[in-house]
N, C-alpha and C. Protein backbone atom coordinates (compact mmCIF):
# COMPACT_ATOMS: atom_id res chain seq x y z
N MET A 1 18.04 12.32 6.64
CA MET A 1 18.01 10.94 6.19
C MET A 1 19.35 10.62 5.53
N ILE A 2 19.93 9.53 5.96
CA ILE A 2 21.17 9.04 5.36
C ILE A 2 20.90 7.63 4.85
N LEU A 3 21.30 7.39 3.61
CA LEU A 3 21.09 6.07 3.00
C LEU A 3 22.41 5.56 2.44
N HIS A 4 22.63 4.27 2.57
CA HIS A 4 23.80 3.62 1.99
C HIS A 4 23.33 2.77 0.81
N ASN A 5 23.91 3.01 -0.36
CA ASN A 5 23.48 2.33 -1.58
C ASN A 5 23.42 0.82 -1.41
N ASN A 6 24.40 0.24 -0.73
CA ASN A 6 24.45 -1.21 -0.56
C ASN A 6 23.29 -1.76 0.25
N ASP A 7 22.63 -0.90 1.04
CA ASP A 7 21.51 -1.33 1.87
C ASP A 7 20.16 -1.20 1.16
N ILE A 8 20.15 -0.60 -0.02
CA ILE A 8 18.89 -0.36 -0.73
C ILE A 8 18.64 -1.50 -1.70
N PRO A 9 17.48 -2.14 -1.59
CA PRO A 9 17.19 -3.24 -2.53
C PRO A 9 16.96 -2.70 -3.94
N SER A 10 17.37 -3.49 -4.91
CA SER A 10 17.16 -3.16 -6.31
C SER A 10 15.88 -3.85 -6.77
N ARG A 11 15.07 -3.12 -7.54
CA ARG A 11 13.80 -3.68 -8.04
C ARG A 11 13.91 -3.83 -9.56
N LYS A 12 13.66 -5.03 -10.04
CA LYS A 12 13.72 -5.30 -11.48
C LYS A 12 12.60 -4.55 -12.19
N VAL A 13 12.96 -3.80 -13.23
CA VAL A 13 11.99 -3.09 -14.06
C VAL A 13 11.58 -3.97 -15.23
N ASP A 14 12.59 -4.54 -15.89
CA ASP A 14 12.38 -5.50 -16.97
C ASP A 14 13.67 -6.28 -17.12
N GLU A 15 13.81 -7.05 -18.19
CA GLU A 15 15.00 -7.90 -18.34
C GLU A 15 16.29 -7.11 -18.53
N TYR A 16 16.18 -5.80 -18.84
CA TYR A 16 17.35 -4.97 -19.10
C TYR A 16 17.61 -3.90 -18.05
N ALA A 17 16.68 -3.70 -17.13
CA ALA A 17 16.83 -2.56 -16.20
C ALA A 17 16.35 -2.89 -14.80
N SER A 18 17.00 -2.25 -13.83
CA SER A 18 16.58 -2.33 -12.43
C SER A 18 16.77 -0.95 -11.81
N ARG A 19 16.04 -0.69 -10.73
CA ARG A 19 16.13 0.63 -10.11
C ARG A 19 16.19 0.54 -8.60
N LYS A 20 16.80 1.58 -8.03
CA LYS A 20 16.85 1.76 -6.59
C LYS A 20 16.35 3.16 -6.28
N ILE A 21 15.46 3.27 -5.31
CA ILE A 21 15.06 4.59 -4.85
C ILE A 21 16.10 5.01 -3.81
N LEU A 22 16.94 5.98 -4.18
CA LEU A 22 18.05 6.38 -3.33
C LEU A 22 17.65 7.39 -2.27
N GLY A 23 16.67 8.18 -2.55
CA GLY A 23 16.24 9.16 -1.57
C GLY A 23 14.92 9.76 -1.98
N THR A 24 14.09 10.02 -0.98
CA THR A 24 12.81 10.66 -1.26
C THR A 24 12.36 11.39 -0.01
N GLY A 25 11.75 12.52 -0.22
CA GLY A 25 11.24 13.31 0.89
C GLY A 25 10.71 14.62 0.36
N GLY A 26 9.75 15.18 1.07
CA GLY A 26 9.15 16.41 0.57
C GLY A 26 8.59 16.18 -0.81
N SER A 27 9.05 16.96 -1.78
CA SER A 27 8.54 16.81 -3.15
C SER A 27 9.58 16.24 -4.10
N LEU A 28 10.72 15.75 -3.58
CA LEU A 28 11.80 15.25 -4.44
C LEU A 28 11.98 13.74 -4.32
N MET A 29 12.44 13.15 -5.41
CA MET A 29 12.79 11.73 -5.42
C MET A 29 14.00 11.53 -6.31
N MET A 30 14.96 10.72 -5.82
CA MET A 30 16.16 10.40 -6.60
C MET A 30 16.19 8.88 -6.80
N VAL A 31 16.37 8.48 -8.07
CA VAL A 31 16.30 7.07 -8.43
C VAL A 31 17.50 6.70 -9.30
N GLU A 32 18.19 5.63 -8.93
CA GLU A 32 19.30 5.10 -9.73
C GLU A 32 18.75 3.97 -10.59
N VAL A 33 18.94 4.09 -11.90
CA VAL A 33 18.46 3.04 -12.81
C VAL A 33 19.67 2.45 -13.53
N SER A 34 19.84 1.14 -13.38
CA SER A 34 20.93 0.41 -14.03
C SER A 34 20.37 -0.29 -15.26
N PHE A 35 21.02 -0.06 -16.40
CA PHE A 35 20.60 -0.66 -17.67
C PHE A 35 21.69 -1.59 -18.19
N LYS A 36 21.28 -2.73 -18.72
CA LYS A 36 22.18 -3.55 -19.52
C LYS A 36 22.17 -2.97 -20.92
N LYS A 37 23.24 -3.22 -21.66
CA LYS A 37 23.31 -2.76 -23.05
C LYS A 37 22.06 -3.19 -23.80
N GLY A 38 21.47 -2.25 -24.52
CA GLY A 38 20.25 -2.51 -25.29
C GLY A 38 18.98 -2.18 -24.53
N GLY A 39 19.10 -1.86 -23.25
CA GLY A 39 17.91 -1.49 -22.47
C GLY A 39 17.30 -0.19 -22.97
N ILE A 40 15.99 -0.12 -22.90
CA ILE A 40 15.28 1.03 -23.43
C ILE A 40 14.35 1.62 -22.38
N GLY A 41 14.45 2.92 -22.22
CA GLY A 41 13.45 3.69 -21.49
C GLY A 41 12.61 4.34 -22.57
N GLU A 42 11.47 3.75 -22.89
CA GLU A 42 10.63 4.21 -24.00
C GLU A 42 10.35 5.71 -23.91
N VAL A 43 10.21 6.34 -25.07
CA VAL A 43 9.86 7.75 -25.10
C VAL A 43 8.49 7.92 -24.45
N HIS A 44 8.42 8.82 -23.50
CA HIS A 44 7.19 9.08 -22.76
C HIS A 44 7.25 10.51 -22.22
N SER A 45 6.20 10.96 -21.61
CA SER A 45 6.20 12.26 -20.95
C SER A 45 5.42 12.15 -19.65
N HIS A 46 5.60 13.13 -18.79
CA HIS A 46 4.94 13.15 -17.50
C HIS A 46 3.98 14.34 -17.43
N GLU A 47 2.77 14.06 -17.03
CA GLU A 47 1.79 15.13 -16.86
C GLU A 47 2.05 15.93 -15.58
N ALA A 48 2.62 15.26 -14.57
CA ALA A 48 2.73 15.89 -13.26
C ALA A 48 4.15 15.97 -12.72
N HIS A 49 5.16 15.49 -13.48
CA HIS A 49 6.52 15.43 -12.94
C HIS A 49 7.53 16.12 -13.85
N GLU A 50 8.43 16.87 -13.23
CA GLU A 50 9.63 17.34 -13.92
C GLU A 50 10.71 16.32 -13.62
N GLN A 51 11.65 16.17 -14.55
CA GLN A 51 12.72 15.18 -14.38
C GLN A 51 14.02 15.77 -14.88
N THR A 52 15.07 15.57 -14.09
CA THR A 52 16.42 15.84 -14.56
C THR A 52 17.21 14.56 -14.34
N SER A 53 18.10 14.25 -15.27
CA SER A 53 18.82 12.98 -15.22
C SER A 53 20.30 13.20 -15.48
N TYR A 54 21.12 12.43 -14.77
CA TYR A 54 22.58 12.53 -14.83
C TYR A 54 23.14 11.15 -15.18
N ILE A 55 24.00 11.09 -16.17
CA ILE A 55 24.61 9.82 -16.57
C ILE A 55 25.78 9.55 -15.62
N VAL A 56 25.64 8.50 -14.82
CA VAL A 56 26.66 8.13 -13.84
C VAL A 56 27.76 7.31 -14.49
N LYS A 57 27.35 6.39 -15.36
CA LYS A 57 28.28 5.44 -15.98
C LYS A 57 27.72 5.03 -17.33
N GLY A 58 28.60 4.83 -18.29
CA GLY A 58 28.18 4.28 -19.56
C GLY A 58 27.82 5.32 -20.60
N LYS A 59 26.91 4.90 -21.52
CA LYS A 59 26.57 5.74 -22.67
C LYS A 59 25.12 5.47 -23.07
N PHE A 60 24.37 6.54 -23.29
CA PHE A 60 22.97 6.44 -23.70
C PHE A 60 22.74 7.27 -24.95
N GLU A 61 21.84 6.81 -25.81
CA GLU A 61 21.24 7.68 -26.81
C GLU A 61 20.00 8.23 -26.13
N VAL A 62 19.93 9.54 -26.02
CA VAL A 62 18.85 10.21 -25.31
C VAL A 62 18.03 11.03 -26.30
N SER A 63 16.73 11.00 -26.13
CA SER A 63 15.83 11.83 -26.92
C SER A 63 15.05 12.72 -25.96
N VAL A 64 15.10 14.03 -26.19
CA VAL A 64 14.32 14.99 -25.40
C VAL A 64 13.61 15.92 -26.37
N ASP A 65 12.30 15.87 -26.35
CA ASP A 65 11.48 16.72 -27.21
C ASP A 65 11.87 16.57 -28.69
N GLY A 66 12.17 15.32 -29.09
CA GLY A 66 12.49 15.03 -30.48
C GLY A 66 13.95 15.24 -30.87
N VAL A 67 14.77 15.78 -29.96
CA VAL A 67 16.19 16.00 -30.23
C VAL A 67 16.97 14.82 -29.64
N LYS A 68 17.77 14.16 -30.48
CA LYS A 68 18.57 13.02 -30.03
C LYS A 68 20.02 13.41 -29.86
N SER A 69 20.66 12.80 -28.85
CA SER A 69 22.08 13.03 -28.60
C SER A 69 22.63 11.84 -27.83
N VAL A 70 23.91 11.56 -28.00
CA VAL A 70 24.58 10.53 -27.21
C VAL A 70 25.18 11.21 -25.99
N LEU A 71 24.79 10.71 -24.81
CA LEU A 71 25.30 11.25 -23.55
C LEU A 71 26.15 10.20 -22.86
N VAL A 72 27.23 10.66 -22.22
CA VAL A 72 28.16 9.78 -21.50
C VAL A 72 28.26 10.26 -20.05
N ALA A 73 29.00 9.51 -19.25
CA ALA A 73 29.15 9.84 -17.84
C ALA A 73 29.50 11.32 -17.66
N GLY A 74 28.75 11.97 -16.79
CA GLY A 74 28.94 13.39 -16.53
C GLY A 74 27.96 14.29 -17.26
N ASP A 75 27.29 13.76 -18.29
CA ASP A 75 26.30 14.54 -19.04
C ASP A 75 24.93 14.42 -18.36
N SER A 76 24.02 15.32 -18.74
CA SER A 76 22.70 15.31 -18.13
C SER A 76 21.66 15.87 -19.08
N PHE A 77 20.39 15.70 -18.70
CA PHE A 77 19.29 16.31 -19.46
C PHE A 77 18.16 16.66 -18.51
N TYR A 78 17.28 17.53 -18.98
CA TYR A 78 16.10 17.95 -18.24
C TYR A 78 14.88 17.76 -19.13
N ALA A 79 13.81 17.21 -18.56
CA ALA A 79 12.54 17.07 -19.26
C ALA A 79 11.45 17.67 -18.39
N GLY A 80 10.88 18.76 -18.83
CA GLY A 80 9.81 19.41 -18.09
C GLY A 80 8.49 18.69 -18.28
N LEU A 81 7.44 19.27 -17.74
CA LEU A 81 6.11 18.70 -17.86
C LEU A 81 5.73 18.48 -19.32
N ARG A 82 5.22 17.30 -19.60
CA ARG A 82 4.71 16.93 -20.93
C ARG A 82 5.76 16.96 -22.04
N VAL A 83 7.04 16.95 -21.70
CA VAL A 83 8.11 16.92 -22.70
C VAL A 83 8.49 15.46 -22.97
N PRO A 84 8.32 14.97 -24.19
CA PRO A 84 8.67 13.58 -24.50
C PRO A 84 10.18 13.35 -24.33
N HIS A 85 10.52 12.23 -23.70
CA HIS A 85 11.92 11.89 -23.48
C HIS A 85 12.06 10.38 -23.33
N GLY A 86 13.25 9.87 -23.66
CA GLY A 86 13.53 8.45 -23.53
C GLY A 86 15.00 8.18 -23.72
N VAL A 87 15.43 6.96 -23.38
CA VAL A 87 16.84 6.59 -23.49
C VAL A 87 17.00 5.19 -24.05
N VAL A 88 18.16 4.96 -24.66
CA VAL A 88 18.58 3.62 -25.08
C VAL A 88 20.01 3.46 -24.58
N ALA A 89 20.25 2.39 -23.81
CA ALA A 89 21.59 2.13 -23.29
C ALA A 89 22.46 1.55 -24.40
N LEU A 90 23.52 2.25 -24.74
CA LEU A 90 24.44 1.80 -25.79
C LEU A 90 25.51 0.85 -25.24
N GLU A 91 25.60 0.78 -23.92
CA GLU A 91 26.46 -0.15 -23.20
C GLU A 91 25.87 -0.28 -21.80
N ASP A 92 26.40 -1.19 -20.98
CA ASP A 92 25.93 -1.27 -19.60
C ASP A 92 26.11 0.11 -18.97
N SER A 93 25.04 0.64 -18.39
CA SER A 93 25.05 2.05 -17.98
C SER A 93 24.20 2.27 -16.73
N ILE A 94 24.46 3.40 -16.08
CA ILE A 94 23.67 3.81 -14.91
C ILE A 94 23.27 5.26 -15.10
N ILE A 95 21.99 5.55 -14.82
CA ILE A 95 21.47 6.91 -14.90
C ILE A 95 20.84 7.26 -13.56
N LEU A 96 21.01 8.49 -13.14
CA LEU A 96 20.42 8.98 -11.90
C LEU A 96 19.30 9.95 -12.27
N ASP A 97 18.06 9.57 -11.94
CA ASP A 97 16.89 10.39 -12.25
C ASP A 97 16.42 11.10 -10.99
N VAL A 98 16.11 12.38 -11.12
CA VAL A 98 15.54 13.14 -10.02
C VAL A 98 14.20 13.69 -10.49
N PHE A 99 13.17 13.46 -9.67
CA PHE A 99 11.81 13.87 -10.01
C PHE A 99 11.25 14.83 -8.97
N THR A 100 10.44 15.76 -9.45
CA THR A 100 9.59 16.55 -8.57
C THR A 100 8.25 16.71 -9.24
N PRO A 101 7.14 16.50 -8.58
CA PRO A 101 7.07 15.89 -7.25
C PRO A 101 7.50 14.43 -7.31
N LEU A 102 7.61 13.81 -6.15
CA LEU A 102 8.06 12.42 -6.11
C LEU A 102 7.08 11.50 -6.84
N ARG A 103 7.58 10.37 -7.28
CA ARG A 103 6.80 9.41 -8.06
C ARG A 103 6.09 8.43 -7.12
N LEU A 104 4.83 8.67 -6.84
CA LEU A 104 4.07 7.76 -5.98
C LEU A 104 3.98 6.36 -6.59
N ASP A 105 3.93 6.28 -7.93
CA ASP A 105 3.87 4.97 -8.57
C ASP A 105 5.11 4.14 -8.27
N PHE A 106 6.27 4.78 -8.17
CA PHE A 106 7.49 4.05 -7.81
C PHE A 106 7.41 3.57 -6.36
N LEU A 107 6.93 4.41 -5.46
CA LEU A 107 6.81 4.02 -4.06
C LEU A 107 5.83 2.87 -3.89
N GLU A 108 4.72 2.92 -4.58
CA GLU A 108 3.73 1.84 -4.51
C GLU A 108 4.29 0.54 -5.04
N ALA A 109 5.16 0.61 -6.05
CA ALA A 109 5.77 -0.59 -6.63
C ALA A 109 6.76 -1.24 -5.67
N GLU A 110 7.24 -0.48 -4.68
CA GLU A 110 8.22 -1.01 -3.73
C GLU A 110 7.57 -1.84 -2.63
N VAL A 111 6.26 -1.76 -2.48
CA VAL A 111 5.56 -2.51 -1.43
C VAL A 111 5.53 -3.98 -1.83
N PRO A 112 5.98 -4.87 -0.93
CA PRO A 112 5.96 -6.31 -1.26
C PRO A 112 4.54 -6.78 -1.53
N GLU A 113 4.42 -7.68 -2.50
CA GLU A 113 3.09 -8.20 -2.87
C GLU A 113 2.72 -9.38 -2.00
């Protein structure tokens, strides 16, 4: 499977964030999330998904299992099963999230209503 970013529609998450599903297959899913400054990915955990995330652009305050750190382009984090994690965009930023298994809820949200 080959995908071109410009051909993938962006889906609005809220007034501060939008996402693109860049690739999915087997048990993996890769998602690009663009945040405006002040956007928040609330602290949450996954019962069934592992997640690793890479900061593509910008700066985030990241919390993983209660530990906070400022991450910039090139930095990353991992959140295993049931590990609380969240982000706050300190400037306009892009994060690349990879999940296993893939997020069926994201795929279902992509179906036109």
